[in-house]
Amino acid sequence: MNAHVWINGEDIAVICDAHGKPLRFRWGKDMHQVERICNRWRAKGVWWRGERADREYIKLTTTDGLLCVVARDMQRDAWALVCLYD
């Protein structure tokens, strides 16, 4: 399995439910329906200083066969595709 990684991420638009769970996202011209959330974690900016989480990462699969990691910048409430597996 290969992974395509974008350090700064590719901007995406995400539609979430009332609890913040991604339901679908638009990447380029295509809309992708989330099938399953595999893993979810948060990363702090400078964790050793006790700073709050900067980003939330979600590894998910889509109904059209993608396995990817999306990230939400919790300060700006902006989403990005950061990794795509093939």
C-alpha atoms as a PDB file:
ATOM      1  CA  MET A   1       0.000   0.000   0.000  1.00  0.00           C
ATOM      2  CA  ASN A   2       1.325   3.418  -0.989  1.00  0.00           C
ATOM      3  CA  ALA A   3       0.466   6.701   0.688  1.00  0.00           C
ATOM      4  CA  HIS A   4       0.275  10.169  -0.834  1.00  0.00           C
ATOM      5  CA  VAL A   5       0.973  12.717   1.890  1.00  0.00           C
ATOM      6  CA  TRP A   6       0.439  16.471   1.793  1.00  0.00           C
ATOM      7  CA  ILE A   7       2.330  18.260   4.575  1.00  0.00           C
ATOM      8  CA  ASN A   8       0.015  21.279   4.579  1.00  0.00           C
ATOM      9  CA  GLY A   9      -2.970  19.300   3.320  1.00  0.00           C
ATOM     10  CA  GLU A  10      -5.305  19.727   0.381  1.00  0.00           C
ATOM     11  CA  ASP A  11      -8.265  21.960   1.286  1.00  0.00           C
ATOM     12  CA  ILE A  12     -11.573  20.104   1.465  1.00  0.00           C
ATOM     13  CA  ALA A  13     -15.132  21.033   2.468  1.00  0.00           C
ATOM     14  CA  VAL A  14     -16.577  18.684   5.097  1.00  0.00           C
ATOM     15  CA  ILE A  15     -20.185  18.163   6.168  1.00  0.00           C
ATOM     16  CA  CYS A  16     -20.483  16.827   9.721  1.00  0.00           C
ATOM     17  CA  ASP A  17     -23.307  15.642  11.945  1.00  0.00           C
ATOM     18  CA  ALA A  18     -24.290  17.484  15.162  1.00  0.00           C
ATOM     19  CA  HIS A  19     -21.465  15.721  17.054  1.00  0.00           C
ATOM     20  CA  GLY A  20     -18.704  16.726  14.630  1.00  0.00           C
ATOM     21  CA  LYS A  21     -18.501  13.345  12.874  1.00  0.00           C
ATOM     22  CA  PRO A  22     -17.711  13.783   9.154  1.00  0.00           C
ATOM     23  CA  LEU A  23     -20.491  12.495   6.897  1.00  0.00           C
ATOM     24  CA  ARG A  24     -19.087  13.526   3.495  1.00  0.00           C
ATOM     25  CA  PHE A  25     -16.465  15.802   1.995  1.00  0.00           C
ATOM     26  CA  ARG A  26     -15.760  17.566  -1.263  1.00  0.00           C
ATOM     27  CA  TRP A  27     -12.268  17.268  -2.705  1.00  0.00           C
ATOM     28  CA  GLY A  28     -11.921  19.111  -5.974  1.00  0.00           C
ATOM     29  CA  LYS A  29     -15.088  18.485  -7.961  1.00  0.00           C
ATOM     30  CA  ASP A  30     -15.937  15.156  -6.292  1.00  0.00           C
ATOM     31  CA  MET A  31     -18.124  14.516  -3.240  1.00  0.00           C
ATOM     32  CA  HIS A  32     -17.135  11.507  -1.100  1.00  0.00           C
ATOM     33  CA  GLN A  33     -19.532   9.830   1.332  1.00  0.00           C
ATOM     34  CA  VAL A  34     -17.882   8.622   4.557  1.00  0.00           C
ATOM     35  CA  GLU A  35     -18.445   4.912   5.064  1.00  0.00           C
ATOM     36  CA  ARG A  36     -16.473   4.289   8.255  1.00  0.00           C
ATOM     37  CA  ILE A  37     -14.262   6.128  10.701  1.00  0.00           C
ATOM     38  CA  CYS A  38     -11.277   3.909  11.447  1.00  0.00           C
ATOM     39  CA  ASN A  39      -9.399   6.082  13.933  1.00  0.00           C
ATOM     40  CA  ARG A  40      -9.521   9.562  15.416  1.00  0.00           C
ATOM     41  CA  TRP A  41      -6.849  11.472  17.348  1.00  0.00           C
ATOM     42  CA  ARG A  42      -5.779  14.980  18.316  1.00  0.00           C
ATOM     43  CA  ALA A  43      -2.335  16.562  18.134  1.00  0.00           C
ATOM     44  CA  LYS A  44      -1.142  19.463  20.214  1.00  0.00           C
ATOM     45  CA  GLY A  45       1.002  22.274  18.897  1.00  0.00           C
ATOM     46  CA  VAL A  46       3.541  22.328  21.711  1.00  0.00           C
ATOM     47  CA  TRP A  47       2.388  19.455  23.887  1.00  0.00           C
ATOM     48  CA  TRP A  48       5.173  19.811  26.460  1.00  0.00           C
ATOM     49  CA  ARG A  49       3.839  23.277  27.368  1.00  0.00           C
ATOM     50  CA  GLY A  50       0.345  21.898  27.938  1.00  0.00           C
ATOM     51  CA  GLU A  51      -1.163  23.709  24.963  1.00  0.00           C
ATOM     52  CA  ARG A  52      -4.535  22.538  23.740  1.00  0.00           C
ATOM     53  CA  ALA A  53      -4.931  20.455  20.608  1.00  0.00           C
ATOM     54  CA  ASP A  54      -4.361  22.255  17.322  1.00  0.00           C
ATOM     55  CA  ARG A  55      -5.556  19.565  14.941  1.00  0.00           C
ATOM     56  CA  GLU A  56      -7.867  16.597  14.965  1.00  0.00           C
ATOM     57  CA  TYR A  57      -7.012  13.784  12.543  1.00  0.00           C
ATOM     58  CA  ILE A  58      -9.562  11.282  11.269  1.00  0.00           C
ATOM     59  CA  LYS A  59      -8.661   8.164   9.301  1.00  0.00           C
ATOM     60  CA  LEU A  60     -11.688   7.066   7.295  1.00  0.00           C
ATOM     61  CA  THR A  61     -12.990   5.069   4.372  1.00  0.00           C
ATOM     62  CA  THR A  62     -15.477   6.286   1.786  1.00  0.00           C
ATOM     63  CA  THR A  63     -18.236   4.475  -0.077  1.00  0.00           C
ATOM     64  CA  ASP A  64     -16.269   4.937  -3.323  1.00  0.00           C
ATOM     65  CA  GLY A  65     -13.220   3.095  -1.954  1.00  0.00           C
ATOM     66  CA  LEU A  66     -10.887   5.776  -0.572  1.00  0.00           C
ATOM     67  CA  LEU A  67      -8.833   5.225   2.572  1.00  0.00           C
ATOM     68  CA  CYS A  68      -7.563   8.579   3.770  1.00  0.00           C
ATOM     69  CA  VAL A  69      -6.732  10.847   6.669  1.00  0.00           C
ATOM     70  CA  VAL A  70      -8.438  14.210   6.976  1.00  0.00           C
ATOM     71  CA  ALA A  71      -7.495  16.894   9.487  1.00  0.00           C
ATOM     72  CA  ARG A  72      -9.470  19.683  11.099  1.00  0.00           C
ATOM     73  CA  ASP A  73      -7.581  22.787  12.162  1.00  0.00           C
ATOM     74  CA  MET A  74      -9.375  23.399  15.442  1.00  0.00           C
ATOM     75  CA  GLN A  75      -8.320  27.055  15.655  1.00  0.00           C
ATOM     76  CA  ARG A  76      -9.659  28.006  12.204  1.00  0.00           C
ATOM     77  CA  ASP A  77     -12.288  25.232  11.842  1.00  0.00           C
ATOM     78  CA  ALA A  78     -10.811  24.406   8.424  1.00  0.00           C
ATOM     79  CA  TRP A  79     -10.420  20.920   6.937  1.00  0.00           C
ATOM     80  CA  ALA A  80      -7.707  19.353   4.787  1.00  0.00           C
ATOM     81  CA  LEU A  81      -6.951  16.000   3.195  1.00  0.00           C
ATOM     82  CA  VAL A  82      -3.509  15.052   4.504  1.00  0.00           C
ATOM     83  CA  CYS A  83      -3.025  11.441   3.376  1.00  0.00           C
ATOM     84  CA  LEU A  84      -4.530   9.185   0.717  1.00  0.00           C
ATOM     85  CA  TYR A  85      -3.708   5.459   0.567  1.00  0.00           C
ATOM     86  CA  ASP A  86      -3.805   3.413  -2.641  1.00  0.00           C
END
